[in-house]
Amino acid sequence: MILGAGIDSIIGEAAGIAGNVVWVSFIVAGLLALIIGLSYAELSSIFPKSSAEYLFVREAFDNEFLSLSVGYIVIFVIVSSAATVAVGFSGYMAIFIPYVPEIIIAIILIVLLSIVNFYGISESININVLFTFVELVDLFFIIIDAFASCQIYNTDYFEIPKNNSPSSLNPGLMLGLIFSAGGLIFFAFLGFENIVNIADETKSPIKQYQRP
């Protein structure tokens, strides 16, 4: 999802906000994702259950209403992110099969991948690895093309969109654009709860932990 949504779907929108400084936005979003990812890794080793955020909040605050609220928010995020990625994929597929409506392509994708997930966790992991490999190869060729065309050497990596450019460079404006684009890019790093949700199907997911 980081490669598919972050590179193929979101980067254009993010670049429209921050311009060529979007690479800094990726660093900001990546650092934030690193901190959150490590937190999830630690929490999932302490509470290796598929409840994820619901269980974390319940253990922290002992409040069922708050736990359920967080759980429903997570469900909303999962559904909306899956729909967003599916629509992004359908937009690209529509180039090759323009006679099929994009919404139909998105629905077919969700149904097919849902069948794989229901069939087995091993199969879904293998397909995920395959898709990630394809995306890495795609990204590799884009990088090669950037060097071959020499555009990478003739780019101002601190240029911001002209509609956001004041008469003189404003550091506050640039920071605002960087963090705005970073917030959008962070969407591509969502899905930490998915790691926790397969804890019940993972061999030895827990490390030794003794609650005080």
N, C-alpha and C. Protein backbone atom coordinates (compact mmCIF):
# COMPACT_ATOMS: atom_id res chain seq x y z
N MET A 1 0.83 -1.21 0.00
CA MET A 1 0.00 0.00 0.00
C MET A 1 0.87 1.26 0.00
N ILE A 2 2.01 1.20 0.69
CA ILE A 2 2.90 2.37 0.73
C ILE A 2 3.37 2.72 -0.67
N LEU A 3 3.74 1.70 -1.45
CA LEU A 3 4.20 1.95 -2.81
C LEU A 3 3.04 2.27 -3.74
N GLY A 4 1.97 1.46 -3.67
CA GLY A 4 0.85 1.64 -4.58
C GLY A 4 0.12 2.95 -4.38
N ALA A 5 -0.29 3.20 -3.14
CA ALA A 5 -1.03 4.44 -2.87
C ALA A 5 -0.10 5.64 -2.80
N GLY A 6 1.07 5.46 -2.19
CA GLY A 6 1.97 6.59 -1.99
C GLY A 6 2.64 7.08 -3.24
N ILE A 7 3.12 6.15 -4.06
CA ILE A 7 3.86 6.54 -5.26
C ILE A 7 2.94 6.70 -6.46
N ASP A 8 2.05 5.76 -6.67
CA ASP A 8 1.26 5.76 -7.90
C ASP A 8 0.01 6.63 -7.82
N SER A 9 -0.58 6.77 -6.65
CA SER A 9 -1.87 7.46 -6.56
C SER A 9 -1.79 8.84 -5.91
N ILE A 10 -1.03 8.96 -4.84
CA ILE A 10 -1.08 10.18 -4.03
C ILE A 10 -0.02 11.20 -4.42
N ILE A 11 1.07 10.76 -5.02
CA ILE A 11 2.20 11.66 -5.22
C ILE A 11 1.84 12.87 -6.08
N GLY A 12 0.93 12.68 -7.04
CA GLY A 12 0.52 13.81 -7.87
C GLY A 12 -0.20 14.87 -7.07
N GLU A 13 -1.14 14.42 -6.22
CA GLU A 13 -1.87 15.37 -5.37
C GLU A 13 -0.92 16.06 -4.39
N ALA A 14 0.01 15.29 -3.83
CA ALA A 14 0.95 15.87 -2.87
C ALA A 14 1.88 16.87 -3.54
N ALA A 15 2.33 16.54 -4.75
CA ALA A 15 3.19 17.47 -5.49
C ALA A 15 2.44 18.74 -5.87
N GLY A 16 1.14 18.63 -6.07
CA GLY A 16 0.34 19.81 -6.36
C GLY A 16 0.29 20.77 -5.19
N ILE A 17 0.50 20.25 -3.98
CA ILE A 17 0.50 21.09 -2.78
C ILE A 17 1.89 21.65 -2.50
N ALA A 18 2.90 20.76 -2.47
CA ALA A 18 4.24 21.16 -2.04
C ALA A 18 5.21 21.37 -3.19
N GLY A 19 4.83 21.03 -4.40
CA GLY A 19 5.75 21.18 -5.51
C GLY A 19 6.91 20.22 -5.42
N ASN A 20 8.09 20.69 -5.79
CA ASN A 20 9.26 19.81 -5.79
C ASN A 20 9.79 19.53 -4.38
N VAL A 21 9.24 20.23 -3.39
CA VAL A 21 9.66 19.98 -2.00
C VAL A 21 8.93 18.77 -1.43
N VAL A 22 8.16 18.10 -2.27
CA VAL A 22 7.36 16.97 -1.80
C VAL A 22 8.23 15.85 -1.23
N TRP A 23 9.49 15.80 -1.65
CA TRP A 23 10.39 14.77 -1.10
C TRP A 23 10.59 14.95 0.40
N VAL A 24 10.57 16.21 0.86
CA VAL A 24 10.67 16.47 2.30
C VAL A 24 9.40 16.00 3.01
N SER A 25 8.27 16.17 2.34
CA SER A 25 6.99 15.70 2.91
C SER A 25 7.01 14.19 3.09
N PHE A 26 7.62 13.48 2.15
CA PHE A 26 7.73 12.03 2.28
C PHE A 26 8.60 11.65 3.48
N ILE A 27 9.65 12.41 3.71
CA ILE A 27 10.52 12.15 4.87
C ILE A 27 9.75 12.38 6.16
N VAL A 28 8.99 13.47 6.22
CA VAL A 28 8.20 13.79 7.42
C VAL A 28 7.18 12.68 7.68
N ALA A 29 6.44 12.29 6.65
CA ALA A 29 5.44 11.24 6.80
C ALA A 29 6.09 9.91 7.17
N GLY A 30 7.26 9.63 6.58
CA GLY A 30 7.96 8.39 6.88
C GLY A 30 8.45 8.32 8.31
N LEU A 31 8.97 9.43 8.83
CA LEU A 31 9.43 9.45 10.22
C LEU A 31 8.26 9.26 11.19
N LEU A 32 7.16 9.92 10.89
CA LEU A 32 5.96 9.75 11.73
C LEU A 32 5.48 8.31 11.68
N ALA A 33 5.48 7.73 10.49
CA ALA A 33 5.05 6.33 10.34
C ALA A 33 6.00 5.39 11.08
N LEU A 34 7.29 5.72 11.08
CA LEU A 34 8.27 4.88 11.79
C LEU A 34 7.97 4.84 13.28
N ILE A 35 7.69 6.01 13.86
CA ILE A 35 7.39 6.08 15.29
C ILE A 35 6.12 5.29 15.61
N ILE A 36 5.08 5.50 14.80
CA ILE A 36 3.82 4.80 15.03
C ILE A 36 3.98 3.30 14.81
N GLY A 37 4.73 2.93 13.77
CA GLY A 37 4.95 1.51 13.48
C GLY A 37 5.67 0.80 14.61
N LEU A 38 6.68 1.43 15.18
CA LEU A 38 7.40 0.83 16.31
C LEU A 38 6.49 0.71 17.53
N SER A 39 5.61 1.69 17.71
CA SER A 39 4.66 1.64 18.82
C SER A 39 3.70 0.46 18.64
N TYR A 40 3.21 0.29 17.42
CA TYR A 40 2.33 -0.84 17.14
C TYR A 40 3.05 -2.17 17.34
N ALA A 41 4.32 -2.22 16.94
CA ALA A 41 5.09 -3.45 17.10
C ALA A 41 5.20 -3.83 18.57
N GLU A 42 5.45 -2.84 19.40
CA GLU A 42 5.58 -3.10 20.84
C GLU A 42 4.24 -3.49 21.45
N LEU A 43 3.19 -2.77 21.09
CA LEU A 43 1.87 -3.06 21.64
C LEU A 43 1.36 -4.42 21.18
N SER A 44 1.64 -4.77 19.93
CA SER A 44 1.15 -6.06 19.43
C SER A 44 1.90 -7.22 20.06
N SER A 45 3.12 -6.98 20.54
CA SER A 45 3.84 -8.05 21.23
C SER A 45 3.35 -8.20 22.67
N ILE A 46 2.84 -7.11 23.22
CA ILE A 46 2.30 -7.16 24.59
C ILE A 46 0.88 -7.72 24.57
N PHE A 47 0.08 -7.29 23.58
CA PHE A 47 -1.31 -7.76 23.46
C PHE A 47 -1.49 -8.40 22.08
N PRO A 48 -1.05 -9.64 21.89
CA PRO A 48 -1.11 -10.29 20.57
C PRO A 48 -2.51 -10.80 20.22
N LYS A 49 -3.46 -9.88 20.14
CA LYS A 49 -4.83 -10.22 19.79
C LYS A 49 -5.26 -9.41 18.58
N SER A 50 -6.24 -9.93 17.86
CA SER A 50 -6.67 -9.26 16.65
C SER A 50 -7.52 -8.01 16.90
N SER A 51 -7.77 -7.70 18.15
CA SER A 51 -8.62 -6.53 18.47
C SER A 51 -7.91 -5.21 18.19
N ALA A 52 -6.57 -5.22 18.19
CA ALA A 52 -5.77 -4.04 17.87
C ALA A 52 -6.14 -2.83 18.72
N GLU A 53 -6.52 -1.71 18.05
CA GLU A 53 -6.73 -0.45 18.76
C GLU A 53 -7.79 -0.54 19.84
N TYR A 54 -8.84 -1.31 19.57
CA TYR A 54 -9.90 -1.48 20.58
C TYR A 54 -9.31 -2.03 21.88
N LEU A 55 -8.47 -3.04 21.78
CA LEU A 55 -7.87 -3.64 22.96
C LEU A 55 -6.88 -2.69 23.62
N PHE A 56 -6.09 -1.97 22.82
CA PHE A 56 -5.11 -1.05 23.37
C PHE A 56 -5.78 0.03 24.21
N VAL A 57 -6.86 0.61 23.65
CA VAL A 57 -7.56 1.69 24.36
C VAL A 57 -8.25 1.15 25.60
N ARG A 58 -8.82 -0.04 25.51
CA ARG A 58 -9.49 -0.62 26.68
C ARG A 58 -8.50 -0.90 27.80
N GLU A 59 -7.32 -1.41 27.45
CA GLU A 59 -6.31 -1.69 28.46
C GLU A 59 -5.76 -0.41 29.08
N ALA A 60 -5.69 0.65 28.26
CA ALA A 60 -5.11 1.91 28.74
C ALA A 60 -6.09 2.71 29.60
N PHE A 61 -7.36 2.74 29.21
CA PHE A 61 -8.32 3.61 29.89
C PHE A 61 -9.44 2.87 30.60
N ASP A 62 -9.55 1.57 30.35
CA ASP A 62 -10.60 0.76 30.98
C ASP A 62 -11.97 1.41 30.78
N ASN A 63 -12.23 1.82 29.54
CA ASN A 63 -13.48 2.50 29.20
C ASN A 63 -14.04 1.86 27.94
N GLU A 64 -15.15 1.14 28.10
CA GLU A 64 -15.72 0.39 26.98
C GLU A 64 -16.24 1.31 25.88
N PHE A 65 -16.87 2.43 26.26
CA PHE A 65 -17.41 3.36 25.27
C PHE A 65 -16.29 3.94 24.42
N LEU A 66 -15.22 4.36 25.07
CA LEU A 66 -14.08 4.91 24.34
C LEU A 66 -13.45 3.86 23.44
N SER A 67 -13.36 2.63 23.93
CA SER A 67 -12.78 1.55 23.14
C SER A 67 -13.61 1.26 21.89
N LEU A 68 -14.93 1.20 22.08
CA LEU A 68 -15.82 0.94 20.94
C LEU A 68 -15.76 2.09 19.93
N SER A 69 -15.68 3.32 20.43
CA SER A 69 -15.61 4.48 19.54
C SER A 69 -14.37 4.40 18.66
N VAL A 70 -13.24 4.10 19.28
CA VAL A 70 -11.99 3.97 18.53
C VAL A 70 -12.09 2.81 17.53
N GLY A 71 -12.70 1.71 17.95
CA GLY A 71 -12.86 0.56 17.07
C GLY A 71 -13.68 0.90 15.84
N TYR A 72 -14.78 1.64 16.01
CA TYR A 72 -15.61 2.02 14.87
C TYR A 72 -14.87 3.00 13.94
N ILE A 73 -14.06 3.88 14.53
CA ILE A 73 -13.27 4.81 13.72
C ILE A 73 -12.28 4.04 12.87
N VAL A 74 -11.65 3.02 13.47
CA VAL A 74 -10.69 2.19 12.72
C VAL A 74 -11.38 1.48 11.57
N ILE A 75 -12.59 0.95 11.82
CA ILE A 75 -13.34 0.29 10.74
C ILE A 75 -13.61 1.26 9.60
N PHE A 76 -14.00 2.49 9.95
CA PHE A 76 -14.24 3.51 8.93
C PHE A 76 -12.97 3.79 8.12
N VAL A 77 -11.84 3.89 8.82
CA VAL A 77 -10.57 4.15 8.13
C VAL A 77 -10.22 3.00 7.19
N ILE A 78 -10.41 1.76 7.65
CA ILE A 78 -10.10 0.60 6.81
C ILE A 78 -10.95 0.59 5.55
N VAL A 79 -12.25 0.81 5.71
CA VAL A 79 -13.16 0.79 4.56
C VAL A 79 -12.84 1.92 3.59
N SER A 80 -12.64 3.13 4.12
CA SER A 80 -12.38 4.28 3.25
C SER A 80 -11.03 4.15 2.55
N SER A 81 -10.01 3.64 3.24
CA SER A 81 -8.69 3.49 2.61
C SER A 81 -8.73 2.41 1.53
N ALA A 82 -9.43 1.31 1.80
CA ALA A 82 -9.56 0.26 0.78
C ALA A 82 -10.28 0.79 -0.45
N ALA A 83 -11.33 1.58 -0.22
CA ALA A 83 -12.07 2.16 -1.35
C ALA A 83 -11.20 3.13 -2.13
N THR A 84 -10.39 3.92 -1.43
CA THR A 84 -9.53 4.89 -2.09
C THR A 84 -8.49 4.21 -2.97
N VAL A 85 -7.86 3.17 -2.43
CA VAL A 85 -6.86 2.44 -3.21
C VAL A 85 -7.50 1.75 -4.41
N ALA A 86 -8.69 1.20 -4.21
CA ALA A 86 -9.38 0.53 -5.32
C ALA A 86 -9.74 1.52 -6.43
N VAL A 87 -10.19 2.70 -6.04
CA VAL A 87 -10.52 3.72 -7.04
C VAL A 87 -9.26 4.19 -7.76
N GLY A 88 -8.15 4.34 -7.00
CA GLY A 88 -6.88 4.71 -7.63
C GLY A 88 -6.43 3.68 -8.65
N PHE A 89 -6.58 2.39 -8.31
CA PHE A 89 -6.23 1.31 -9.23
C PHE A 89 -7.13 1.33 -10.46
N SER A 90 -8.42 1.55 -10.24
CA SER A 90 -9.35 1.55 -11.37
C SER A 90 -9.07 2.68 -12.34
N GLY A 91 -8.56 3.81 -11.81
CA GLY A 91 -8.21 4.93 -12.68
C GLY A 91 -7.12 4.57 -13.67
N TYR A 92 -6.15 3.79 -13.21
CA TYR A 92 -5.08 3.34 -14.11
C TYR A 92 -5.57 2.25 -15.07
N MET A 93 -6.38 1.33 -14.56
CA MET A 93 -6.88 0.25 -15.41
C MET A 93 -7.80 0.78 -16.50
N ALA A 94 -8.49 1.89 -16.22
CA ALA A 94 -9.40 2.46 -17.21
C ALA A 94 -8.65 2.93 -18.46
N ILE A 95 -7.34 3.15 -18.33
CA ILE A 95 -6.54 3.53 -19.50
C ILE A 95 -6.48 2.37 -20.49
N PHE A 96 -6.43 1.15 -19.96
CA PHE A 96 -6.29 -0.04 -20.81
C PHE A 96 -7.65 -0.61 -21.23
N ILE A 97 -8.66 -0.44 -20.36
CA ILE A 97 -10.00 -0.93 -20.70
C ILE A 97 -11.00 0.21 -20.48
N PRO A 98 -10.97 1.21 -21.36
CA PRO A 98 -11.80 2.41 -21.16
C PRO A 98 -13.29 2.15 -21.26
N TYR A 99 -13.69 1.03 -21.85
CA TYR A 99 -15.11 0.75 -22.03
C TYR A 99 -15.76 0.20 -20.77
N VAL A 100 -14.97 -0.06 -19.72
CA VAL A 100 -15.53 -0.54 -18.45
C VAL A 100 -15.49 0.61 -17.44
N PRO A 101 -16.62 0.95 -16.82
CA PRO A 101 -16.65 2.05 -15.83
C PRO A 101 -15.66 1.80 -14.69
N GLU A 102 -15.02 2.87 -14.23
CA GLU A 102 -14.00 2.74 -13.18
C GLU A 102 -14.58 2.15 -11.90
N ILE A 103 -15.81 2.50 -11.57
CA ILE A 103 -16.41 2.00 -10.33
C ILE A 103 -16.58 0.48 -10.39
N ILE A 104 -16.87 -0.05 -11.59
CA ILE A 104 -17.02 -1.49 -11.76
C ILE A 104 -15.67 -2.18 -11.54
N ILE A 105 -14.61 -1.59 -12.08
CA ILE A 105 -13.27 -2.14 -11.89
C ILE A 105 -12.90 -2.16 -10.42
N ALA A 106 -13.22 -1.07 -9.71
CA ALA A 106 -12.90 -1.00 -8.28
C ALA A 106 -13.65 -2.06 -7.49
N ILE A 107 -14.92 -2.26 -7.83
CA ILE A 107 -15.72 -3.27 -7.12
C ILE A 107 -15.18 -4.67 -7.38
N ILE A 108 -14.82 -4.95 -8.64
CA ILE A 108 -14.28 -6.27 -8.98
C ILE A 108 -12.98 -6.51 -8.23
N LEU A 109 -12.13 -5.49 -8.14
CA LEU A 109 -10.86 -5.64 -7.41
C LEU A 109 -11.11 -5.98 -5.95
N ILE A 110 -12.02 -5.26 -5.31
CA ILE A 110 -12.31 -5.50 -3.89
C ILE A 110 -12.86 -6.91 -3.68
N VAL A 111 -13.76 -7.33 -4.58
CA VAL A 111 -14.35 -8.67 -4.46
C VAL A 111 -13.29 -9.75 -4.61
N LEU A 112 -12.42 -9.61 -5.62
CA LEU A 112 -11.39 -10.62 -5.87
C LEU A 112 -10.41 -10.72 -4.71
N LEU A 113 -9.95 -9.58 -4.21
CA LEU A 113 -8.99 -9.60 -3.11
C LEU A 113 -9.66 -10.07 -1.81
N SER A 114 -10.95 -9.79 -1.65
CA SER A 114 -11.67 -10.29 -0.48
C SER A 114 -11.74 -11.82 -0.50
N ILE A 115 -11.97 -12.37 -1.70
CA ILE A 115 -12.02 -13.84 -1.84
C ILE A 115 -10.68 -14.45 -1.44
N VAL A 116 -9.59 -13.80 -1.89
CA VAL A 116 -8.25 -14.30 -1.54
C VAL A 116 -8.05 -14.25 -0.03
N ASN A 117 -8.45 -13.15 0.60
CA ASN A 117 -8.28 -13.02 2.05
C ASN A 117 -9.09 -14.06 2.80
N PHE A 118 -10.31 -14.31 2.34
CA PHE A 118 -11.14 -15.33 2.99
C PHE A 118 -10.58 -16.73 2.77
N TYR A 119 -9.94 -16.94 1.62
CA TYR A 119 -9.42 -18.27 1.31
C TYR A 119 -8.27 -18.66 2.24
N GLY A 120 -7.36 -17.72 2.53
CA GLY A 120 -6.27 -18.07 3.43
C GLY A 120 -5.27 -16.93 3.60
N ILE A 121 -4.69 -16.85 4.78
CA ILE A 121 -3.74 -15.77 5.07
C ILE A 121 -2.45 -15.95 4.28
N SER A 122 -2.00 -17.19 4.10
CA SER A 122 -0.76 -17.44 3.35
C SER A 122 -0.90 -16.98 1.91
N GLU A 123 -2.05 -17.29 1.30
CA GLU A 123 -2.28 -16.90 -0.09
C GLU A 123 -2.31 -15.38 -0.24
N SER A 124 -2.96 -14.70 0.70
CA SER A 124 -3.03 -13.25 0.63
C SER A 124 -1.66 -12.61 0.81
N ILE A 125 -0.83 -13.20 1.68
CA ILE A 125 0.52 -12.68 1.88
C ILE A 125 1.35 -12.86 0.61
N ASN A 126 1.24 -14.03 -0.02
CA ASN A 126 2.00 -14.28 -1.24
C ASN A 126 1.61 -13.32 -2.36
N ILE A 127 0.32 -13.06 -2.50
CA ILE A 127 -0.13 -12.11 -3.53
C ILE A 127 0.34 -10.70 -3.19
N ASN A 128 0.31 -10.36 -1.91
CA ASN A 128 0.78 -9.04 -1.48
C ASN A 128 2.26 -8.86 -1.81
N VAL A 129 3.05 -9.90 -1.57
CA VAL A 129 4.48 -9.86 -1.89
C VAL A 129 4.68 -9.70 -3.40
N LEU A 130 3.89 -10.43 -4.19
CA LEU A 130 3.98 -10.34 -5.64
C LEU A 130 3.67 -8.94 -6.13
N PHE A 131 2.57 -8.36 -5.63
CA PHE A 131 2.20 -7.01 -6.04
C PHE A 131 3.27 -5.99 -5.64
N THR A 132 3.82 -6.17 -4.45
CA THR A 132 4.87 -5.25 -4.00
C THR A 132 6.10 -5.34 -4.91
N PHE A 133 6.45 -6.56 -5.32
CA PHE A 133 7.58 -6.74 -6.23
C PHE A 133 7.32 -6.03 -7.56
N VAL A 134 6.11 -6.16 -8.09
CA VAL A 134 5.76 -5.49 -9.35
C VAL A 134 5.88 -3.98 -9.20
N GLU A 135 5.42 -3.46 -8.07
CA GLU A 135 5.50 -2.02 -7.83
C GLU A 135 6.95 -1.56 -7.69
N LEU A 136 7.79 -2.39 -7.08
CA LEU A 136 9.21 -2.05 -6.95
C LEU A 136 9.89 -2.00 -8.32
N VAL A 137 9.56 -2.96 -9.18
CA VAL A 137 10.12 -2.96 -10.54
C VAL A 137 9.66 -1.72 -11.29
N ASP A 138 8.39 -1.37 -11.16
CA ASP A 138 7.84 -0.16 -11.78
C ASP A 138 8.59 1.07 -11.30
N LEU A 139 8.80 1.17 -10.00
CA LEU A 139 9.50 2.32 -9.43
C LEU A 139 10.95 2.34 -9.90
N PHE A 140 11.57 1.18 -10.02
CA PHE A 140 12.96 1.09 -10.48
C PHE A 140 13.10 1.67 -11.89
N PHE A 141 12.17 1.33 -12.79
CA PHE A 141 12.24 1.83 -14.16
C PHE A 141 11.99 3.34 -14.22
N ILE A 142 11.14 3.84 -13.32
CA ILE A 142 10.91 5.29 -13.26
C ILE A 142 12.19 6.01 -12.86
N ILE A 143 12.90 5.46 -11.87
CA ILE A 143 14.16 6.05 -11.43
C ILE A 143 15.20 6.01 -12.55
N ILE A 144 15.29 4.88 -13.24
CA ILE A 144 16.23 4.76 -14.36
C ILE A 144 15.91 5.79 -15.43
N ASP A 145 14.63 5.96 -15.74
CA ASP A 145 14.22 6.93 -16.75
C ASP A 145 14.57 8.35 -16.34
N ALA A 146 14.44 8.64 -15.04
CA ALA A 146 14.77 9.98 -14.55
C ALA A 146 16.25 10.29 -14.76
N PHE A 147 17.10 9.31 -14.50
CA PHE A 147 18.54 9.51 -14.71
C PHE A 147 18.88 9.55 -16.20
N ALA A 148 18.24 8.68 -16.99
CA ALA A 148 18.54 8.62 -18.42
C ALA A 148 18.13 9.89 -19.14
N SER A 149 17.03 10.50 -18.73
CA SER A 149 16.56 11.74 -19.37
C SER A 149 17.28 12.97 -18.87
N CYS A 150 18.10 12.80 -17.82
CA CYS A 150 18.87 13.89 -17.21
C CYS A 150 18.00 14.95 -16.54
N GLN A 151 16.67 14.68 -16.45
CA GLN A 151 15.80 15.64 -15.79
C GLN A 151 16.12 15.77 -14.29
N ILE A 152 16.65 14.71 -13.74
CA ILE A 152 16.94 14.71 -12.31
C ILE A 152 18.03 15.71 -11.96
N TYR A 153 18.87 16.04 -12.95
CA TYR A 153 19.97 16.98 -12.70
C TYR A 153 19.54 18.43 -12.93
N ASN A 154 18.43 18.61 -13.61
CA ASN A 154 18.00 19.97 -13.97
C ASN A 154 16.77 20.42 -13.20
N THR A 155 16.58 19.85 -12.03
CA THR A 155 15.38 20.12 -11.24
C THR A 155 15.72 20.92 -10.00
N ASP A 156 14.91 21.93 -9.73
CA ASP A 156 15.03 22.69 -8.48
C ASP A 156 14.21 21.97 -7.42
N TYR A 157 14.87 21.31 -6.49
CA TYR A 157 14.18 20.47 -5.52
C TYR A 157 13.55 21.26 -4.38
N PHE A 158 13.62 22.57 -4.45
CA PHE A 158 12.98 23.41 -3.43
C PHE A 158 11.96 24.36 -4.05
N GLU A 159 11.57 24.06 -5.29
CA GLU A 159 10.57 24.88 -5.98
C GLU A 159 9.17 24.50 -5.50
N ILE A 160 8.36 25.51 -5.19
CA ILE A 160 6.99 25.26 -4.77
C ILE A 160 6.05 25.75 -5.87
N PRO A 161 4.79 25.28 -5.89
CA PRO A 161 3.85 25.70 -6.94
C PRO A 161 3.74 27.20 -7.06
N LYS A 162 3.61 27.70 -8.28
CA LYS A 162 3.59 29.14 -8.52
C LYS A 162 2.43 29.83 -7.83
N ASN A 163 1.29 29.13 -7.74
CA ASN A 163 0.14 29.77 -7.10
C ASN A 163 0.35 29.94 -5.60
N ASN A 164 1.38 29.26 -5.03
CA ASN A 164 1.70 29.41 -3.61
C ASN A 164 2.96 30.23 -3.39
N SER A 165 3.58 30.69 -4.48
CA SER A 165 4.86 31.39 -4.36
C SER A 165 4.66 32.87 -4.10
N PRO A 166 5.14 33.39 -2.96
CA PRO A 166 5.10 34.83 -2.72
C PRO A 166 6.25 35.51 -3.45
N SER A 167 6.30 36.82 -3.36
CA SER A 167 7.38 37.54 -4.04
C SER A 167 8.74 37.17 -3.48
N SER A 168 8.82 36.82 -2.21
CA SER A 168 10.06 36.36 -1.59
C SER A 168 9.76 35.06 -0.85
N LEU A 169 10.76 34.20 -0.75
CA LEU A 169 10.57 32.89 -0.13
C LEU A 169 10.19 33.05 1.33
N ASN A 170 9.10 32.43 1.71
CA ASN A 170 8.59 32.49 3.07
C ASN A 170 8.78 31.12 3.72
N PRO A 171 9.70 31.02 4.69
CA PRO A 171 9.94 29.70 5.33
C PRO A 171 8.68 29.13 5.97
N GLY A 172 7.86 30.01 6.55
CA GLY A 172 6.63 29.54 7.18
C GLY A 172 5.68 28.94 6.16
N LEU A 173 5.57 29.54 4.99
CA LEU A 173 4.71 29.01 3.94
C LEU A 173 5.22 27.65 3.46
N MET A 174 6.55 27.57 3.27
CA MET A 174 7.11 26.30 2.80
C MET A 174 6.88 25.19 3.81
N LEU A 175 7.04 25.49 5.09
CA LEU A 175 6.78 24.48 6.12
C LEU A 175 5.32 24.04 6.10
N GLY A 176 4.43 25.01 5.91
CA GLY A 176 3.01 24.69 5.85
C GLY A 176 2.69 23.77 4.69
N LEU A 177 3.29 24.05 3.53
CA LEU A 177 3.06 23.21 2.35
C LEU A 177 3.65 21.81 2.57
N ILE A 178 4.83 21.76 3.19
CA ILE A 178 5.48 20.46 3.44
C ILE A 178 4.62 19.60 4.35
N PHE A 179 4.12 20.19 5.44
CA PHE A 179 3.33 19.41 6.39
C PHE A 179 1.93 19.09 5.83
N SER A 180 1.39 19.99 5.01
CA SER A 180 0.09 19.70 4.38
C SER A 180 0.21 18.51 3.44
N ALA A 181 1.24 18.52 2.61
CA ALA A 181 1.47 17.39 1.72
C ALA A 181 1.83 16.14 2.51
N GLY A 182 2.59 16.32 3.61
CA GLY A 182 2.95 15.18 4.45
C GLY A 182 1.74 14.51 5.07
N GLY A 183 0.75 15.32 5.45
CA GLY A 183 -0.48 14.75 6.00
C GLY A 183 -1.21 13.91 4.99
N LEU A 184 -1.20 14.36 3.72
CA LEU A 184 -1.83 13.58 2.66
C LEU A 184 -1.04 12.30 2.38
N ILE A 185 0.28 12.42 2.34
CA ILE A 185 1.13 11.27 2.06
C ILE A 185 1.01 10.22 3.15
N PHE A 186 0.80 10.67 4.39
CA PHE A 186 0.73 9.72 5.50
C PHE A 186 -0.39 8.70 5.31
N PHE A 187 -1.37 9.07 4.51
CA PHE A 187 -2.44 8.11 4.20
C PHE A 187 -1.87 6.81 3.65
N ALA A 188 -0.79 6.92 2.87
CA ALA A 188 -0.19 5.73 2.26
C ALA A 188 0.44 4.82 3.30
N PHE A 189 0.74 5.37 4.48
CA PHE A 189 1.38 4.58 5.52
C PHE A 189 0.37 3.97 6.50
N LEU A 190 -0.91 4.20 6.24
CA LEU A 190 -1.92 3.62 7.12
C LEU A 190 -1.95 2.10 6.98
N GLY A 191 -2.51 1.45 7.98
CA GLY A 191 -2.64 0.01 7.91
C GLY A 191 -1.86 -0.73 8.97
N PHE A 192 -1.35 0.01 9.97
CA PHE A 192 -0.60 -0.65 11.04
C PHE A 192 -1.46 -1.68 11.76
N GLU A 193 -2.76 -1.38 11.88
CA GLU A 193 -3.64 -2.30 12.60
C GLU A 193 -3.74 -3.65 11.89
N ASN A 194 -3.46 -3.67 10.58
CA ASN A 194 -3.52 -4.93 9.86
C ASN A 194 -2.45 -5.91 10.35
N ILE A 195 -1.32 -5.37 10.79
CA ILE A 195 -0.27 -6.23 11.33
C ILE A 195 -0.76 -6.90 12.61
N VAL A 196 -1.43 -6.12 13.44
CA VAL A 196 -1.92 -6.65 14.71
C VAL A 196 -3.09 -7.61 14.47
N ASN A 197 -3.90 -7.33 13.47
CA ASN A 197 -5.10 -8.13 13.24
C ASN A 197 -4.80 -9.57 12.82
N ILE A 198 -3.58 -9.83 12.37
CA ILE A 198 -3.24 -11.22 12.01
C ILE A 198 -2.40 -11.87 13.11
N ALA A 199 -2.36 -11.25 14.28
CA ALA A 199 -1.57 -11.81 15.38
C ALA A 199 -2.08 -13.20 15.78
N ASP A 200 -3.40 -13.38 15.73
CA ASP A 200 -3.97 -14.68 16.11
C ASP A 200 -3.62 -15.79 15.12
N GLU A 201 -3.17 -15.40 13.92
CA GLU A 201 -2.84 -16.38 12.90
C GLU A 201 -1.34 -16.49 12.67
N THR A 202 -0.57 -15.87 13.56
CA THR A 202 0.88 -15.85 13.41
C THR A 202 1.53 -16.78 14.43
N LYS A 203 2.55 -17.49 13.99
CA LYS A 203 3.26 -18.38 14.90
C LYS A 203 4.12 -17.55 15.87
N SER A 204 3.95 -17.82 17.16
CA SER A 204 4.73 -17.17 18.22
C SER A 204 4.75 -15.65 18.07
N PRO A 205 3.58 -14.98 18.10
CA PRO A 205 3.56 -13.54 17.90
C PRO A 205 3.98 -12.75 19.13
N ILE A 206 4.05 -13.42 20.28
CA ILE A 206 4.28 -12.69 21.53
C ILE A 206 5.69 -12.94 22.05
N LYS A 207 6.26 -11.92 22.66
CA LYS A 207 7.50 -12.10 23.39
C LYS A 207 7.13 -12.16 24.88
N GLN A 208 8.03 -12.59 25.70
CA GLN A 208 7.74 -12.72 27.11
C GLN A 208 7.46 -11.35 27.72
N TYR A 209 6.33 -11.23 28.34
CA TYR A 209 5.95 -9.97 28.96
C TYR A 209 5.16 -10.25 30.21
N GLN A 210 5.55 -9.65 31.29
CA GLN A 210 4.87 -9.87 32.56
C GLN A 210 4.33 -8.54 33.04
N ARG A 211 3.03 -8.48 33.15
CA ARG A 211 2.39 -7.22 33.55
C ARG A 211 2.70 -6.96 35.03
N PRO A 212 3.08 -5.73 35.36
CA PRO A 212 3.40 -5.42 36.76
C PRO A 212 2.16 -5.53 37.64
